[in-house]
């Protein structure tokens, strides 16, 4: 379509992708992350210790798979040598550094500050996945500690229904 009607593609298809499709995808990030974590933690765990055990297994598997992915990437990179023949003569490192601005240092205080949201609504508005994840995990753990099992099941069913609606 870009070859036959370039102005149509540039004007209308880019509008469709950047002004309509991407905001709709971003709209689903908050309910998706929050509902998955709440249903996954509160809906499938009977106690905090059970969820903790499953969480440690998940982190362990994540680390193992990440290490495997790194080695696969290194092996494929050494076999195919991407970037061979690429000329970087036009690249000026000082210009790139100036355009990027000053680099910020990473600290534990900054990490904690960026992890804990002011409110869940601010985290959802900013589409801050880390803050949404933190709030969802705290909410799901508090649901696990609820003595009223009927109320907990009602909340799990609600978030499961939200999840089904998001996936449709």
C-alpha atoms as a PDB file:
ATOM      1  CA  UNK A   1       0.000   0.000   0.000  1.00  0.00           C
ATOM      2  CA  UNK A   2       2.977   2.294   0.661  1.00  0.00           C
ATOM      3  CA  UNK A   3       4.129   1.893  -2.944  1.00  0.00           C
ATOM      4  CA  UNK A   4       0.755   2.562  -4.548  1.00  0.00           C
ATOM      5  CA  UNK A   5      -0.564   5.279  -2.227  1.00  0.00           C
ATOM      6  CA  UNK A   6       2.334   6.736  -0.213  1.00  0.00           C
ATOM      7  CA  UNK A   7       0.464   9.819   1.010  1.00  0.00           C
ATOM      8  CA  UNK A   8      -2.436   7.688   2.252  1.00  0.00           C
ATOM      9  CA  UNK A   9      -0.032   5.395   4.080  1.00  0.00           C
ATOM     10  CA  UNK A  10       1.860   8.278   5.612  1.00  0.00           C
ATOM     11  CA  UNK A  11      -1.191  10.250   6.692  1.00  0.00           C
ATOM     12  CA  UNK A  12      -3.785   7.681   7.659  1.00  0.00           C
ATOM     13  CA  UNK A  13      -2.034   4.412   8.409  1.00  0.00           C
ATOM     14  CA  UNK A  14       0.491   6.132  10.666  1.00  0.00           C
ATOM     15  CA  UNK A  15      -2.443   7.814  12.407  1.00  0.00           C
ATOM     16  CA  UNK A  16      -4.069   4.412  12.848  1.00  0.00           C
ATOM     17  CA  UNK A  17      -0.944   2.869  14.337  1.00  0.00           C
ATOM     18  CA  UNK A  18       0.428   5.672  16.521  1.00  0.00           C
ATOM     19  CA  UNK A  19      -2.671   7.614  17.524  1.00  0.00           C
ATOM     20  CA  UNK A  20      -5.171   4.788  17.870  1.00  0.00           C
ATOM     21  CA  UNK A  21      -3.572   1.347  18.182  1.00  0.00           C
ATOM     22  CA  UNK A  22      -0.702   2.159  20.568  1.00  0.00           C
ATOM     23  CA  UNK A  23      -2.870   4.127  23.039  1.00  0.00           C
ATOM     24  CA  UNK A  24      -5.345   1.239  23.064  1.00  0.00           C
ATOM     25  CA  UNK A  25      -2.525  -1.183  23.882  1.00  0.00           C
ATOM     26  CA  UNK A  26      -1.257   1.145  26.630  1.00  0.00           C
ATOM     27  CA  UNK A  27      -4.801   1.301  27.974  1.00  0.00           C
ATOM     28  CA  UNK A  28      -4.661  -2.439  28.680  1.00  0.00           C
ATOM     29  CA  UNK A  29      -1.301  -2.471  30.482  1.00  0.00           C
ATOM     30  CA  UNK A  30      -2.580  -1.503  33.929  1.00  0.00           C
ATOM     31  CA  UNK A  31      -5.566  -3.877  34.201  1.00  0.00           C
ATOM     32  CA  UNK A  32      -3.554  -6.678  32.595  1.00  0.00           C
ATOM     33  CA  UNK A  33      -0.557  -6.532  34.943  1.00  0.00           C
ATOM     34  CA  UNK A  34      -2.649  -5.877  38.049  1.00  0.00           C
ATOM     35  CA  UNK A  35      -5.210  -8.612  37.365  1.00  0.00           C
ATOM     36  CA  UNK A  36      -2.640 -11.238  36.367  1.00  0.00           C
ATOM     37  CA  UNK A  37      -0.667 -10.727  39.553  1.00  0.00           C
ATOM     38  CA  UNK A  38      -3.688 -10.583  41.855  1.00  0.00           C
ATOM     39  CA  UNK A  39      -5.263 -13.714  40.387  1.00  0.00           C
ATOM     40  CA  UNK A  40      -1.924 -15.490  40.214  1.00  0.00           C
ATOM     41  CA  UNK A  41      -0.953 -14.752  43.803  1.00  0.00           C
ATOM     42  CA  UNK A  42      -4.234 -14.580  45.715  1.00  0.00           C
ATOM     43  CA  UNK A  43      -6.121 -17.027  43.533  1.00  0.00           C
ATOM     44  CA  UNK A  44      -3.612 -19.839  43.540  1.00  0.00           C
ATOM     45  CA  UNK A  45      -1.973 -19.515  46.915  1.00  0.00           C
ATOM     46  CA  UNK A  46      -3.416 -20.589  50.224  1.00  0.00           C
ATOM     47  CA  UNK A  47      -0.768 -18.915  52.382  1.00  0.00           C
ATOM     48  CA  UNK A  48       2.049 -16.419  52.126  1.00  0.00           C
ATOM     49  CA  UNK A  49       4.655 -19.153  52.628  1.00  0.00           C
ATOM     50  CA  UNK A  50       3.247 -21.152  49.685  1.00  0.00           C
ATOM     51  CA  UNK A  51       3.337 -18.087  47.433  1.00  0.00           C
ATOM     52  CA  UNK A  52       6.846 -17.304  48.682  1.00  0.00           C
ATOM     53  CA  UNK A  53       8.018 -20.809  47.760  1.00  0.00           C
ATOM     54  CA  UNK A  54       6.483 -20.501  44.291  1.00  0.00           C
ATOM     55  CA  UNK A  55       7.998 -17.013  43.929  1.00  0.00           C
ATOM     56  CA  UNK A  56      11.493 -18.265  44.736  1.00  0.00           C
ATOM     57  CA  UNK A  57      11.086 -21.038  42.157  1.00  0.00           C
ATOM     58  CA  UNK A  58       9.929 -18.515  39.556  1.00  0.00           C
ATOM     59  CA  UNK A  59      12.897 -16.220  40.233  1.00  0.00           C
ATOM     60  CA  UNK A  60      15.275 -19.201  40.062  1.00  0.00           C
ATOM     61  CA  UNK A  61      13.817 -20.312  36.701  1.00  0.00           C
ATOM     62  CA  UNK A  62      13.954 -16.718  35.443  1.00  0.00           C
ATOM     63  CA  UNK A  63      17.652 -16.447  36.308  1.00  0.00           C
ATOM     64  CA  UNK A  64      18.465 -19.805  34.691  1.00  0.00           C
ATOM     65  CA  UNK A  65      16.565 -18.967  31.493  1.00  0.00           C
ATOM     66  CA  UNK A  66      18.221 -15.523  31.375  1.00  0.00           C
ATOM     67  CA  UNK A  67      21.674 -17.093  31.660  1.00  0.00           C
ATOM     68  CA  UNK A  68      20.814 -19.572  28.891  1.00  0.00           C
ATOM     69  CA  UNK A  69      19.534 -16.708  26.693  1.00  0.00           C
ATOM     70  CA  UNK A  70      22.748 -14.766  27.245  1.00  0.00           C
ATOM     71  CA  UNK A  71      24.874 -17.716  26.178  1.00  0.00           C
ATOM     72  CA  UNK A  72      22.685 -18.413  23.138  1.00  0.00           C
ATOM     73  CA  UNK A  73      22.973 -14.751  22.143  1.00  0.00           C
ATOM     74  CA  UNK A  74      26.744 -14.793  22.578  1.00  0.00           C
ATOM     75  CA  UNK A  75      27.097 -17.981  20.539  1.00  0.00           C
ATOM     76  CA  UNK A  76      24.886 -16.693  17.696  1.00  0.00           C
ATOM     77  CA  UNK A  77      26.628 -13.316  17.815  1.00  0.00           C
ATOM     78  CA  UNK A  78      30.027 -14.970  17.441  1.00  0.00           C
ATOM     79  CA  UNK A  79      28.805 -17.223  14.623  1.00  0.00           C
ATOM     80  CA  UNK A  80      27.103 -14.534  12.535  1.00  0.00           C
ATOM     81  CA  UNK A  81      29.188 -11.505  13.688  1.00  0.00           C
ATOM     82  CA  UNK A  82      26.503  -8.834  13.307  1.00  0.00           C
ATOM     83  CA  UNK A  83      27.803  -5.383  12.497  1.00  0.00           C
ATOM     84  CA  UNK A  84      30.647  -6.600  10.327  1.00  0.00           C
ATOM     85  CA  UNK A  85      31.191  -4.060   7.568  1.00  0.00           C
ATOM     86  CA  UNK A  86      29.225  -1.357   9.383  1.00  0.00           C
ATOM     87  CA  UNK A  87      30.852   2.042   9.102  1.00  0.00           C
ATOM     88  CA  UNK A  88      30.610   4.324  12.108  1.00  0.00           C
ATOM     89  CA  UNK A  89      32.594   7.218  10.603  1.00  0.00           C
ATOM     90  CA  UNK A  90      29.596   9.545  10.788  1.00  0.00           C
ATOM     91  CA  UNK A  91      29.007   8.652  14.440  1.00  0.00           C
ATOM     92  CA  UNK A  92      30.295  11.205  16.924  1.00  0.00           C
ATOM     93  CA  UNK A  93      30.290   9.956  20.518  1.00  0.00           C
ATOM     94  CA  UNK A  94      30.419  13.400  22.115  1.00  0.00           C
ATOM     95  CA  UNK A  95      27.338  14.523  20.198  1.00  0.00           C
ATOM     96  CA  UNK A  96      25.473  11.420  21.331  1.00  0.00           C
ATOM     97  CA  UNK A  97      26.457  12.044  24.950  1.00  0.00           C
ATOM     98  CA  UNK A  98      25.374  15.692  24.744  1.00  0.00           C
ATOM     99  CA  UNK A  99      22.034  14.723  23.185  1.00  0.00           C
ATOM    100  CA  UNK A 100      21.422  12.102  25.842  1.00  0.00           C
ATOM    101  CA  UNK A 101      22.010  14.621  28.605  1.00  0.00           C
ATOM    102  CA  UNK A 102      23.611  13.980  31.912  1.00  0.00           C
ATOM    103  CA  UNK A 103      23.721  10.444  33.163  1.00  0.00           C
ATOM    104  CA  UNK A 104      22.078   9.726  36.465  1.00  0.00           C
ATOM    105  CA  UNK A 105      23.489   7.443  39.073  1.00  0.00           C
ATOM    106  CA  UNK A 106      21.577   4.453  40.326  1.00  0.00           C
ATOM    107  CA  UNK A 107      21.134   4.128  44.053  1.00  0.00           C
ATOM    108  CA  UNK A 108      19.095   1.986  46.402  1.00  0.00           C
ATOM    109  CA  UNK A 109      17.150   5.033  47.555  1.00  0.00           C
ATOM    110  CA  UNK A 110      16.220   5.934  43.976  1.00  0.00           C
ATOM    111  CA  UNK A 111      15.217   2.326  43.263  1.00  0.00           C
ATOM    112  CA  UNK A 112      12.931   2.221  46.288  1.00  0.00           C
ATOM    113  CA  UNK A 113      11.480   5.624  45.446  1.00  0.00           C
ATOM    114  CA  UNK A 114      10.747   4.511  41.881  1.00  0.00           C
ATOM    115  CA  UNK A 115       9.256   1.202  43.046  1.00  0.00           C
ATOM    116  CA  UNK A 116       6.679   2.436  45.549  1.00  0.00           C
ATOM    117  CA  UNK A 117       3.915   4.444  43.871  1.00  0.00           C
ATOM    118  CA  UNK A 118       2.311   7.549  45.362  1.00  0.00           C
ATOM    119  CA  UNK A 119      -1.067   6.025  44.542  1.00  0.00           C
ATOM    120  CA  UNK A 120      -2.119   3.136  42.361  1.00  0.00           C
ATOM    121  CA  UNK A 121      -3.859   5.624  40.073  1.00  0.00           C
ATOM    122  CA  UNK A 122      -0.633   7.579  39.446  1.00  0.00           C
ATOM    123  CA  UNK A 123       1.178   4.332  38.665  1.00  0.00           C
ATOM    124  CA  UNK A 124      -1.608   3.357  36.257  1.00  0.00           C
ATOM    125  CA  UNK A 125      -1.663   6.786  34.641  1.00  0.00           C
ATOM    126  CA  UNK A 126       2.091   6.743  34.074  1.00  0.00           C
ATOM    127  CA  UNK A 127       2.038   3.093  32.944  1.00  0.00           C
ATOM    128  CA  UNK A 128       4.855   2.435  35.391  1.00  0.00           C
ATOM    129  CA  UNK A 129       5.057  -1.352  35.238  1.00  0.00           C
ATOM    130  CA  UNK A 130       7.312  -1.636  38.281  1.00  0.00           C
ATOM    131  CA  UNK A 131       4.976   0.440  40.445  1.00  0.00           C
ATOM    132  CA  UNK A 132       1.899  -1.410  39.181  1.00  0.00           C
ATOM    133  CA  UNK A 133       3.627  -4.712  39.942  1.00  0.00           C
ATOM    134  CA  UNK A 134       4.545  -3.592  43.460  1.00  0.00           C
ATOM    135  CA  UNK A 135       0.999  -2.406  44.210  1.00  0.00           C
ATOM    136  CA  UNK A 136      -0.533  -5.589  42.793  1.00  0.00           C
ATOM    137  CA  UNK A 137       1.764  -7.848  44.818  1.00  0.00           C
ATOM    138  CA  UNK A 138       1.007  -5.905  48.019  1.00  0.00           C
ATOM    139  CA  UNK A 139      -2.720  -6.058  47.303  1.00  0.00           C
ATOM    140  CA  UNK A 140      -2.607  -9.792  46.534  1.00  0.00           C
ATOM    141  CA  UNK A 141      -0.613 -10.556  49.690  1.00  0.00           C
ATOM    142  CA  UNK A 142      -3.113  -8.563  51.740  1.00  0.00           C
ATOM    143  CA  UNK A 143      -5.870 -10.633  50.120  1.00  0.00           C
ATOM    144  CA  UNK A 144      -4.043 -13.802  51.192  1.00  0.00           C
ATOM    145  CA  UNK A 145      -4.061 -12.561  54.774  1.00  0.00           C
ATOM    146  CA  UNK A 146      -7.797 -11.818  54.760  1.00  0.00           C
ATOM    147  CA  UNK A 147      -9.669 -13.940  57.315  1.00  0.00           C
ATOM    148  CA  UNK A 148     -12.919 -13.666  55.325  1.00  0.00           C
ATOM    149  CA  UNK A 149     -12.476 -16.301  52.603  1.00  0.00           C
ATOM    150  CA  UNK A 150     -15.762 -15.413  50.925  1.00  0.00           C
ATOM    151  CA  UNK A 151     -14.665 -11.792  50.403  1.00  0.00           C
ATOM    152  CA  UNK A 152     -11.280 -12.993  49.126  1.00  0.00           C
ATOM    153  CA  UNK A 153     -12.948 -15.356  46.639  1.00  0.00           C
ATOM    154  CA  UNK A 154     -15.223 -12.538  45.462  1.00  0.00           C
ATOM    155  CA  UNK A 155     -12.222 -10.295  44.797  1.00  0.00           C
ATOM    156  CA  UNK A 156     -10.366 -13.087  42.994  1.00  0.00           C
ATOM    157  CA  UNK A 157     -13.428 -13.757  40.819  1.00  0.00           C
ATOM    158  CA  UNK A 158     -13.705 -10.038  40.058  1.00  0.00           C
ATOM    159  CA  UNK A 159     -10.077  -9.738  38.944  1.00  0.00           C
ATOM    160  CA  UNK A 160     -10.369 -12.999  37.010  1.00  0.00           C
ATOM    161  CA  UNK A 161     -13.340 -11.508  35.148  1.00  0.00           C
ATOM    162  CA  UNK A 162     -11.309  -8.328  34.467  1.00  0.00           C
ATOM    163  CA  UNK A 163      -8.522 -10.515  33.117  1.00  0.00           C
ATOM    164  CA  UNK A 164     -10.897 -12.407  30.816  1.00  0.00           C
ATOM    165  CA  UNK A 165     -12.292  -9.106  29.518  1.00  0.00           C
ATOM    166  CA  UNK A 166      -8.793  -7.737  28.824  1.00  0.00           C
ATOM    167  CA  UNK A 167      -7.813 -10.878  26.912  1.00  0.00           C
ATOM    168  CA  UNK A 168     -10.916 -10.683  24.694  1.00  0.00           C
END
